[in-house]
């Protein structure tokens, strides 16, 4: 079974947006898959819409779970998981290999 893990690398913020401060507008993320001792990952960024006053969480109160929830809502996680699984399967059972040369140079 493949284990998946989100890594939040950084978040770009607008310092002041109306009455709000430190508003997250871009999330830099890595999604990591691990299976049978092999790992594969994908890195990306995701733009966030500007929040309204009622759905704003101050930067210092954000949790990883909340930020991951934003990413899950915005990205095609199922497709990413399928692609990461395929990458690991190719590491476990490669279809292209480099063989030693059958001659001396």
Protein backbone atom coordinates (compact mmCIF):
# COMPACT_ATOMS: atom_id res chain seq x y z
CA UNK A 1 0.00 0.00 0.00
CA UNK A 2 1.27 3.44 -0.90
CA UNK A 3 1.58 6.10 1.80
CA UNK A 4 1.14 9.72 0.76
CA UNK A 5 2.32 12.81 2.62
CA UNK A 6 1.99 16.53 2.00
CA UNK A 7 4.95 18.82 2.66
CA UNK A 8 4.25 22.55 2.74
CA UNK A 9 7.50 24.18 1.58
CA UNK A 10 6.49 27.85 1.78
CA UNK A 11 3.54 30.19 1.55
CA UNK A 12 3.65 33.54 -0.25
CA UNK A 13 1.54 36.24 1.40
CA UNK A 14 0.25 39.71 0.69
CA UNK A 15 1.28 41.82 3.68
CA UNK A 16 -1.90 43.94 3.71
CA UNK A 17 -5.15 43.31 1.85
CA UNK A 18 -7.82 45.70 3.09
CA UNK A 19 -8.25 45.03 6.80
CA UNK A 20 -6.46 41.68 6.55
CA UNK A 21 -2.74 41.06 6.92
CA UNK A 22 -0.42 38.23 5.85
CA UNK A 23 -2.95 36.79 3.38
CA UNK A 24 -1.78 33.52 1.77
CA UNK A 25 -1.91 33.80 -2.03
CA UNK A 26 0.46 31.01 -3.15
CA UNK A 27 1.27 27.68 -1.49
CA UNK A 28 4.49 25.86 -2.46
CA UNK A 29 4.00 22.14 -1.85
CA UNK A 30 5.47 18.68 -2.37
CA UNK A 31 3.36 15.53 -2.44
CA UNK A 32 5.40 12.45 -1.52
CA UNK A 33 4.53 8.79 -2.10
CA UNK A 34 6.28 5.86 -0.41
CA UNK A 35 5.87 2.16 -1.15
CA UNK A 36 8.13 -0.83 -0.50
CA UNK A 37 11.07 1.42 0.38
CA UNK A 38 10.77 3.50 -2.80
CA UNK A 39 9.69 7.12 -2.94
CA UNK A 40 8.44 9.45 -5.61
CA UNK A 41 7.28 13.04 -5.35
CA UNK A 42 5.81 15.94 -7.21
CA UNK A 43 6.37 19.64 -6.43
CA UNK A 44 4.08 22.47 -7.33
CA UNK A 45 2.54 25.77 -6.41
CA UNK A 46 -1.11 26.59 -5.98
CA UNK A 47 -2.63 30.06 -6.13
CA UNK A 48 -5.25 30.85 -3.52
CA UNK A 49 -8.22 33.18 -3.96
CA UNK A 50 -8.36 36.22 -1.71
CA UNK A 51 -10.45 35.44 1.37
CA UNK A 52 -13.39 37.39 2.63
CA UNK A 53 -13.46 38.55 6.25
CA UNK A 54 -15.61 35.65 7.43
CA UNK A 55 -13.45 32.88 6.01
CA UNK A 56 -10.07 34.37 6.92
CA UNK A 57 -7.76 32.63 9.36
CA UNK A 58 -4.84 34.73 10.65
CA UNK A 59 -1.51 33.43 9.35
CA UNK A 60 -0.23 32.50 12.82
CA UNK A 61 -3.38 30.40 13.44
CA UNK A 62 -3.17 28.33 10.23
CA UNK A 63 -2.64 24.60 10.64
CA UNK A 64 -1.09 22.15 8.21
CA UNK A 65 -4.43 20.32 8.01
CA UNK A 66 -6.21 23.52 6.98
CA UNK A 67 -3.63 24.35 4.28
CA UNK A 68 -3.68 20.75 3.00
CA UNK A 69 -7.48 21.03 2.83
CA UNK A 70 -7.10 24.03 0.54
CA UNK A 71 -4.75 22.04 -1.70
CA UNK A 72 -7.03 19.00 -1.79
CA UNK A 73 -9.92 21.26 -2.84
CA UNK A 74 -7.88 22.93 -5.58
CA UNK A 75 -5.85 20.04 -7.05
CA UNK A 76 -6.60 16.70 -8.69
CA UNK A 77 -5.13 14.59 -5.88
CA UNK A 78 -6.46 11.31 -7.29
CA UNK A 79 -4.57 11.84 -10.56
CA UNK A 80 -1.39 12.80 -8.68
CA UNK A 81 -1.62 9.63 -6.57
CA UNK A 82 -2.08 7.47 -9.69
CA UNK A 83 0.96 9.07 -11.35
CA UNK A 84 3.13 8.74 -8.24
CA UNK A 85 2.09 5.08 -7.90
CA UNK A 86 3.07 4.47 -11.54
CA UNK A 87 6.45 6.13 -10.97
CA UNK A 88 7.15 3.87 -7.99
CA UNK A 89 5.99 0.78 -9.91
CA UNK A 90 8.53 1.66 -12.62
CA UNK A 91 11.24 1.90 -9.97
CA UNK A 92 10.27 -1.50 -8.58
CA UNK A 93 9.81 -3.12 -12.04
CA UNK A 94 11.70 -1.01 -14.58
CA UNK A 95 10.88 -1.46 -18.26
CA UNK A 96 14.05 0.31 -19.44
CA UNK A 97 17.43 -0.59 -18.00
CA UNK A 98 21.05 0.30 -18.78
CA UNK A 99 22.98 -2.92 -19.37
CA UNK A 100 26.75 -3.21 -19.34
CA UNK A 101 28.26 -2.94 -22.80
CA UNK A 102 28.86 -6.32 -24.48
CA UNK A 103 32.25 -5.09 -25.69
CA UNK A 104 35.27 -3.11 -24.48
CA UNK A 105 35.87 0.45 -25.63
